[in-house]
C-alpha atoms as a PDB file:
ATOM      1  CA  UNK A   1     134.324 268.984 155.501  1.00  0.00           C
ATOM      2  CA  UNK A   2     135.747 268.256 152.043  1.00  0.00           C
ATOM      3  CA  UNK A   3     136.597 271.254 149.911  1.00  0.00           C
ATOM      4  CA  UNK A   4     136.025 270.853 146.186  1.00  0.00           C
ATOM      5  CA  UNK A   5     137.777 272.960 143.540  1.00  0.00           C
ATOM      6  CA  UNK A   6     135.948 276.099 142.472  1.00  0.00           C
ATOM      7  CA  UNK A   7     135.164 276.304 138.789  1.00  0.00           C
ATOM      8  CA  UNK A   8     135.691 280.027 138.933  1.00  0.00           C
ATOM      9  CA  UNK A   9     139.244 279.511 140.227  1.00  0.00           C
ATOM     10  CA  UNK A  10     140.139 276.516 138.054  1.00  0.00           C
ATOM     11  CA  UNK A  11     141.741 277.475 134.735  1.00  0.00           C
ATOM     12  CA  UNK A  12     140.235 275.874 131.641  1.00  0.00           C
ATOM     13  CA  UNK A  13     143.649 274.485 130.720  1.00  0.00           C
ATOM     14  CA  UNK A  14     143.970 272.808 134.108  1.00  0.00           C
ATOM     15  CA  UNK A  15     140.502 271.236 133.791  1.00  0.00           C
ATOM     16  CA  UNK A  16     141.497 269.923 130.377  1.00  0.00           C
ATOM     17  CA  UNK A  17     144.735 268.524 131.781  1.00  0.00           C
ATOM     18  CA  UNK A  18     142.924 266.850 134.689  1.00  0.00           C
ATOM     19  CA  UNK A  19     140.396 265.293 132.326  1.00  0.00           C
ATOM     20  CA  UNK A  20     143.200 264.060 130.074  1.00  0.00           C
ATOM     21  CA  UNK A  21     144.876 262.399 133.066  1.00  0.00           C
ATOM     22  CA  UNK A  22     141.590 260.820 134.127  1.00  0.00           C
ATOM     23  CA  UNK A  23     140.903 259.536 130.635  1.00  0.00           C
ATOM     24  CA  UNK A  24     144.371 258.020 130.434  1.00  0.00           C
ATOM     25  CA  UNK A  25     143.854 256.274 133.775  1.00  0.00           C
ATOM     26  CA  UNK A  26     140.562 254.623 132.901  1.00  0.00           C
ATOM     27  CA  UNK A  27     139.845 251.244 131.358  1.00  0.00           C
ATOM     28  CA  UNK A  28     138.716 250.933 127.765  1.00  0.00           C
ATOM     29  CA  UNK A  29     135.318 252.684 127.457  1.00  0.00           C
ATOM     30  CA  UNK A  30     132.302 251.054 125.883  1.00  0.00           C
ATOM     31  CA  UNK A  31     130.449 252.543 122.937  1.00  0.00           C
ATOM     32  CA  UNK A  32     128.842 255.831 123.929  1.00  0.00           C
ATOM     33  CA  UNK A  33     131.240 256.398 126.828  1.00  0.00           C
ATOM     34  CA  UNK A  34     134.022 258.932 127.119  1.00  0.00           C
ATOM     35  CA  UNK A  35     135.689 257.402 130.166  1.00  0.00           C
ATOM     36  CA  UNK A  36     135.306 254.250 132.279  1.00  0.00           C
ATOM     37  CA  UNK A  37     136.971 253.251 135.538  1.00  0.00           C
ATOM     38  CA  UNK A  38     136.431 250.275 137.826  1.00  0.00           C
ATOM     39  CA  UNK A  39     137.583 249.862 141.406  1.00  0.00           C
ATOM     40  CA  UNK A  40     137.294 247.325 144.202  1.00  0.00           C
ATOM     41  CA  UNK A  41     137.446 248.072 147.900  1.00  0.00           C
ATOM     42  CA  UNK A  42     137.440 245.823 150.945  1.00  0.00           C
ATOM     43  CA  UNK A  43     135.656 247.016 154.059  1.00  0.00           C
ATOM     44  CA  UNK A  44     134.861 245.423 157.425  1.00  0.00           C
ATOM     45  CA  UNK A  45     131.361 244.154 158.151  1.00  0.00           C
ATOM     46  CA  UNK A  46     130.853 245.441 161.659  1.00  0.00           C
ATOM     47  CA  UNK A  47     127.863 246.560 163.711  1.00  0.00           C
ATOM     48  CA  UNK A  48     126.671 249.007 161.073  1.00  0.00           C
ATOM     49  CA  UNK A  49     124.881 249.198 157.714  1.00  0.00           C
ATOM     50  CA  UNK A  50     126.663 246.239 156.107  1.00  0.00           C
ATOM     51  CA  UNK A  51     125.966 243.998 159.115  1.00  0.00           C
ATOM     52  CA  UNK A  52     122.282 244.955 159.075  1.00  0.00           C
ATOM     53  CA  UNK A  53     122.227 244.475 155.308  1.00  0.00           C
ATOM     54  CA  UNK A  54     123.680 240.950 155.536  1.00  0.00           C
ATOM     55  CA  UNK A  55     121.231 239.927 158.269  1.00  0.00           C
ATOM     56  CA  UNK A  56     118.296 241.352 156.302  1.00  0.00           C
ATOM     57  CA  UNK A  57     119.539 239.713 153.110  1.00  0.00           C
ATOM     58  CA  UNK A  58     119.704 236.206 154.594  1.00  0.00           C
ATOM     59  CA  UNK A  59     116.186 236.655 155.957  1.00  0.00           C
ATOM     60  CA  UNK A  60     114.877 237.646 152.505  1.00  0.00           C
ATOM     61  CA  UNK A  61     116.711 234.756 150.847  1.00  0.00           C
ATOM     62  CA  UNK A  62     115.198 232.231 153.231  1.00  0.00           C
ATOM     63  CA  UNK A  63     111.692 233.654 152.976  1.00  0.00           C
ATOM     64  CA  UNK A  64     111.650 233.839 149.180  1.00  0.00           C
ATOM     65  CA  UNK A  65     113.691 230.726 148.433  1.00  0.00           C
ATOM     66  CA  UNK A  66     116.099 232.615 146.187  1.00  0.00           C
ATOM     67  CA  UNK A  67     119.385 231.106 145.021  1.00  0.00           C
ATOM     68  CA  UNK A  68     122.766 232.830 145.249  1.00  0.00           C
ATOM     69  CA  UNK A  69     126.408 232.282 144.378  1.00  0.00           C
ATOM     70  CA  UNK A  70     129.078 231.797 146.984  1.00  0.00           C
ATOM     71  CA  UNK A  71     131.668 233.783 144.996  1.00  0.00           C
ATOM     72  CA  UNK A  72     131.562 236.093 141.930  1.00  0.00           C
ATOM     73  CA  UNK A  73     133.394 233.444 139.895  1.00  0.00           C
ATOM     74  CA  UNK A  74     131.049 230.635 140.957  1.00  0.00           C
ATOM     75  CA  UNK A  75     129.142 228.830 138.210  1.00  0.00           C
ATOM     76  CA  UNK A  76     126.467 227.312 140.421  1.00  0.00           C
ATOM     77  CA  UNK A  77     123.757 228.851 142.553  1.00  0.00           C
ATOM     78  CA  UNK A  78     122.118 227.393 145.631  1.00  0.00           C
ATOM     79  CA  UNK A  79     119.470 228.229 148.255  1.00  0.00           C
ATOM     80  CA  UNK A  80     120.812 229.962 151.335  1.00  0.00           C
ATOM     81  CA  UNK A  81     120.032 226.833 153.409  1.00  0.00           C
ATOM     82  CA  UNK A  82     122.351 224.736 151.205  1.00  0.00           C
ATOM     83  CA  UNK A  83     124.975 227.490 151.328  1.00  0.00           C
ATOM     84  CA  UNK A  84     124.785 227.555 155.123  1.00  0.00           C
ATOM     85  CA  UNK A  85     125.185 223.769 155.340  1.00  0.00           C
ATOM     86  CA  UNK A  86     128.190 223.823 153.040  1.00  0.00           C
ATOM     87  CA  UNK A  87     129.891 226.585 155.029  1.00  0.00           C
ATOM     88  CA  UNK A  88     129.310 224.708 158.296  1.00  0.00           C
ATOM     89  CA  UNK A  89     130.643 221.441 156.855  1.00  0.00           C
ATOM     90  CA  UNK A  90     133.720 222.978 155.203  1.00  0.00           C
ATOM     91  CA  UNK A  91     134.639 225.840 157.508  1.00  0.00           C
ATOM     92  CA  UNK A  92     132.505 225.600 160.651  1.00  0.00           C
ATOM     93  CA  UNK A  93     130.997 229.059 160.015  1.00  0.00           C
ATOM     94  CA  UNK A  94     127.607 230.427 158.988  1.00  0.00           C
ATOM     95  CA  UNK A  95     126.524 232.957 156.364  1.00  0.00           C
ATOM     96  CA  UNK A  96     126.328 235.685 158.988  1.00  0.00           C
ATOM     97  CA  UNK A  97     129.917 234.968 160.040  1.00  0.00           C
ATOM     98  CA  UNK A  98     131.163 237.157 157.181  1.00  0.00           C
ATOM     99  CA  UNK A  99     133.343 239.916 158.620  1.00  0.00           C
ATOM    100  CA  UNK A 100     134.548 241.660 155.447  1.00  0.00           C
ATOM    101  CA  UNK A 101     133.036 242.601 152.106  1.00  0.00           C
ATOM    102  CA  UNK A 102     134.591 243.355 148.733  1.00  0.00           C
ATOM    103  CA  UNK A 103     132.554 246.007 146.922  1.00  0.00           C
ATOM    104  CA  UNK A 104     133.021 246.540 143.171  1.00  0.00           C
ATOM    105  CA  UNK A 105     132.366 249.967 141.656  1.00  0.00           C
ATOM    106  CA  UNK A 106     132.007 251.198 138.103  1.00  0.00           C
ATOM    107  CA  UNK A 107     132.438 254.884 137.247  1.00  0.00           C
ATOM    108  CA  UNK A 108     131.673 256.228 133.778  1.00  0.00           C
ATOM    109  CA  UNK A 109     131.350 259.468 131.834  1.00  0.00           C
ATOM    110  CA  UNK A 110     129.013 259.285 128.849  1.00  0.00           C
ATOM    111  CA  UNK A 111     129.392 261.235 125.630  1.00  0.00           C
ATOM    112  CA  UNK A 112     126.486 263.383 126.826  1.00  0.00           C
ATOM    113  CA  UNK A 113     128.574 264.550 129.777  1.00  0.00           C
ATOM    114  CA  UNK A 114     126.779 262.388 132.358  1.00  0.00           C
ATOM    115  CA  UNK A 115     128.687 260.914 135.296  1.00  0.00           C
ATOM    116  CA  UNK A 116     127.551 257.563 136.700  1.00  0.00           C
ATOM    117  CA  UNK A 117     128.618 255.668 139.814  1.00  0.00           C
ATOM    118  CA  UNK A 118     127.416 252.090 140.156  1.00  0.00           C
ATOM    119  CA  UNK A 119     127.918 249.177 142.551  1.00  0.00           C
ATOM    120  CA  UNK A 120     128.285 246.007 140.481  1.00  0.00           C
ATOM    121  CA  UNK A 121     128.974 243.328 143.081  1.00  0.00           C
ATOM    122  CA  UNK A 122     129.207 242.796 146.833  1.00  0.00           C
ATOM    123  CA  UNK A 123     131.236 239.760 147.921  1.00  0.00           C
ATOM    124  CA  UNK A 124     130.996 238.839 151.601  1.00  0.00           C
ATOM    125  CA  UNK A 125     133.925 236.864 152.996  1.00  0.00           C
ATOM    126  CA  UNK A 126     135.160 235.506 156.311  1.00  0.00           C
ATOM    127  CA  UNK A 127     138.724 236.562 157.135  1.00  0.00           C
ATOM    128  CA  UNK A 128     140.102 234.291 159.915  1.00  0.00           C
ATOM    129  CA  UNK A 129     143.019 236.569 160.759  1.00  0.00           C
ATOM    130  CA  UNK A 130     146.119 238.337 159.419  1.00  0.00           C
ATOM    131  CA  UNK A 131     147.930 236.519 156.588  1.00  0.00           C
ATOM    132  CA  UNK A 132     145.163 233.912 156.338  1.00  0.00           C
ATOM    133  CA  UNK A 133     143.145 233.282 153.201  1.00  0.00           C
ATOM    134  CA  UNK A 134     139.647 234.713 152.915  1.00  0.00           C
ATOM    135  CA  UNK A 135     136.733 232.277 152.820  1.00  0.00           C
ATOM    136  CA  UNK A 136     134.030 233.135 150.295  1.00  0.00           C
ATOM    137  CA  UNK A 137     130.641 233.340 151.964  1.00  0.00           C
ATOM    138  CA  UNK A 138     128.140 235.044 149.646  1.00  0.00           C
ATOM    139  CA  UNK A 139     128.288 237.003 146.399  1.00  0.00           C
ATOM    140  CA  UNK A 140     125.605 239.537 145.526  1.00  0.00           C
ATOM    141  CA  UNK A 141     125.178 240.505 141.864  1.00  0.00           C
ATOM    142  CA  UNK A 142     123.647 243.960 142.111  1.00  0.00           C
ATOM    143  CA  UNK A 143     122.470 243.811 138.488  1.00  0.00           C
ATOM    144  CA  UNK A 144     119.893 241.129 139.307  1.00  0.00           C
ATOM    145  CA  UNK A 145     116.366 242.552 139.488  1.00  0.00           C
ATOM    146  CA  UNK A 146     115.584 241.174 142.948  1.00  0.00           C
ATOM    147  CA  UNK A 147     118.882 242.514 144.337  1.00  0.00           C
ATOM    148  CA  UNK A 148     118.232 245.966 142.929  1.00  0.00           C
ATOM    149  CA  UNK A 149     114.776 245.930 144.522  1.00  0.00           C
ATOM    150  CA  UNK A 150     116.233 244.754 147.834  1.00  0.00           C
ATOM    151  CA  UNK A 151     118.864 247.525 147.894  1.00  0.00           C
ATOM    152  CA  UNK A 152     116.275 250.132 146.969  1.00  0.00           C
ATOM    153  CA  UNK A 153     113.401 249.058 149.232  1.00  0.00           C
ATOM    154  CA  UNK A 154     115.228 247.773 152.331  1.00  0.00           C
ATOM    155  CA  UNK A 155     117.442 249.803 154.599  1.00  0.00           C
ATOM    156  CA  UNK A 156     118.133 251.157 158.057  1.00  0.00           C
ATOM    157  CA  UNK A 157     115.536 253.089 160.037  1.00  0.00           C
ATOM    158  CA  UNK A 158     116.620 256.532 161.136  1.00  0.00           C
ATOM    159  CA  UNK A 159     117.003 256.733 164.942  1.00  0.00           C
ATOM    160  CA  UNK A 160     115.399 260.190 164.918  1.00  0.00           C
ATOM    161  CA  UNK A 161     112.417 259.171 162.763  1.00  0.00           C
ATOM    162  CA  UNK A 162     111.267 255.552 162.695  1.00  0.00           C
ATOM    163  CA  UNK A 163     108.925 256.298 159.785  1.00  0.00           C
ATOM    164  CA  UNK A 164     111.903 257.039 157.522  1.00  0.00           C
ATOM    165  CA  UNK A 165     114.868 254.940 156.471  1.00  0.00           C
ATOM    166  CA  UNK A 166     118.026 255.106 154.367  1.00  0.00           C
ATOM    167  CA  UNK A 167     118.045 252.367 151.674  1.00  0.00           C
ATOM    168  CA  UNK A 168     121.003 249.993 151.546  1.00  0.00           C
ATOM    169  CA  UNK A 169     121.966 251.268 148.094  1.00  0.00           C
ATOM    170  CA  UNK A 170     122.788 254.610 149.722  1.00  0.00           C
ATOM    171  CA  UNK A 171     124.957 252.936 152.338  1.00  0.00           C
ATOM    172  CA  UNK A 172     126.884 251.187 149.533  1.00  0.00           C
ATOM    173  CA  UNK A 173     127.679 254.365 147.621  1.00  0.00           C
ATOM    174  CA  UNK A 174     131.398 254.942 147.100  1.00  0.00           C
ATOM    175  CA  UNK A 175     131.742 258.020 149.362  1.00  0.00           C
ATOM    176  CA  UNK A 176     129.968 256.212 152.227  1.00  0.00           C
ATOM    177  CA  UNK A 177     132.109 253.072 152.070  1.00  0.00           C
ATOM    178  CA  UNK A 178     135.518 254.413 151.093  1.00  0.00           C
ATOM    179  CA  UNK A 179     135.712 256.952 153.929  1.00  0.00           C
ATOM    180  CA  UNK A 180     135.544 254.229 156.568  1.00  0.00           C
ATOM    181  CA  UNK A 181     138.904 254.086 158.358  1.00  0.00           C
ATOM    182  CA  UNK A 182     139.560 250.415 157.646  1.00  0.00           C
ATOM    183  CA  UNK A 183     138.363 250.443 154.037  1.00  0.00           C
ATOM    184  CA  UNK A 184     141.151 249.760 151.531  1.00  0.00           C
ATOM    185  CA  UNK A 185     141.354 250.146 147.751  1.00  0.00           C
ATOM    186  CA  UNK A 186     142.524 246.718 146.538  1.00  0.00           C
ATOM    187  CA  UNK A 187     141.978 246.977 142.781  1.00  0.00           C
ATOM    188  CA  UNK A 188     141.786 249.797 140.222  1.00  0.00           C
ATOM    189  CA  UNK A 189     141.008 249.167 136.570  1.00  0.00           C
ATOM    190  CA  UNK A 190     141.484 245.429 137.015  1.00  0.00           C
ATOM    191  CA  UNK A 191     145.000 245.898 138.446  1.00  0.00           C
ATOM    192  CA  UNK A 192     145.705 244.733 141.999  1.00  0.00           C
ATOM    193  CA  UNK A 193     146.928 247.393 144.417  1.00  0.00           C
ATOM    194  CA  UNK A 194     149.818 245.848 146.337  1.00  0.00           C
ATOM    195  CA  UNK A 195     151.195 248.855 148.213  1.00  0.00           C
ATOM    196  CA  UNK A 196     150.406 252.465 149.044  1.00  0.00           C
ATOM    197  CA  UNK A 197     146.822 251.592 149.969  1.00  0.00           C
ATOM    198  CA  UNK A 198     146.112 254.837 151.813  1.00  0.00           C
ATOM    199  CA  UNK A 199     147.656 256.998 149.094  1.00  0.00           C
ATOM    200  CA  UNK A 200     145.702 255.235 146.344  1.00  0.00           C
ATOM    201  CA  UNK A 201     142.545 255.525 148.421  1.00  0.00           C
ATOM    202  CA  UNK A 202     142.962 259.280 148.893  1.00  0.00           C
ATOM    203  CA  UNK A 203     143.858 259.779 145.218  1.00  0.00           C
ATOM    204  CA  UNK A 204     140.742 257.915 144.070  1.00  0.00           C
ATOM    205  CA  UNK A 205     138.568 259.914 146.469  1.00  0.00           C
ATOM    206  CA  UNK A 206     139.937 263.148 145.026  1.00  0.00           C
ATOM    207  CA  UNK A 207     139.375 261.900 141.493  1.00  0.00           C
ATOM    208  CA  UNK A 208     135.748 260.955 142.165  1.00  0.00           C
ATOM    209  CA  UNK A 209     135.079 264.216 144.018  1.00  0.00           C
ATOM    210  CA  UNK A 210     136.379 266.202 141.067  1.00  0.00           C
ATOM    211  CA  UNK A 211     134.326 264.200 138.580  1.00  0.00           C
ATOM    212  CA  UNK A 212     131.176 264.482 140.682  1.00  0.00           C
ATOM    213  CA  UNK A 213     131.667 268.221 140.979  1.00  0.00           C
ATOM    214  CA  UNK A 214     132.312 268.743 137.291  1.00  0.00           C
ATOM    215  CA  UNK A 215     129.581 266.455 135.930  1.00  0.00           C
ATOM    216  CA  UNK A 216     126.866 266.456 138.595  1.00  0.00           C
ATOM    217  CA  UNK A 217     126.826 270.150 139.555  1.00  0.00           C
END
């Protein structure tokens, strides 16, 4: 159980100091925003929500004939069948061979005092082994309308109630992903994290918990 700071026991000066530190640590805010922070984590795609999500995603892509990018930086899009053929020819793997995913997050505080957490991209990769380069498999732009619908309307059925399910967007929320044992923070505010992964991970969790408590309660 995670204990959050009590407002009643937190001096106003300390809250102001914490906010000042948070503001200093964020990236440049857009118009109408008080604070903005981005982060990227890498997490394994095992027999869990992300594995089910990838399998469901490829099925939807094939059925609807939608085109996707192989990497976030890619300029071209292609049907999943063409993507699969290219991966087989170049690497001898399939789309569902992805075993890790980079998840990009955006956190913001608006001038109205609203706190927003948003997933901006999910990049599935195949990691052959330690000290070997990742192979880009599939990049999912969560701002696309069809992706937003997919994350909202598709999900995992609850084992205790098959009539209910948890949408994939919930499984991708920062608290759900970052608390996985093997999840690492690899980028904060556009700067690569090269050491102290666990410490940076715990510090970012504490920061987001404090913000959520202050702005969502």
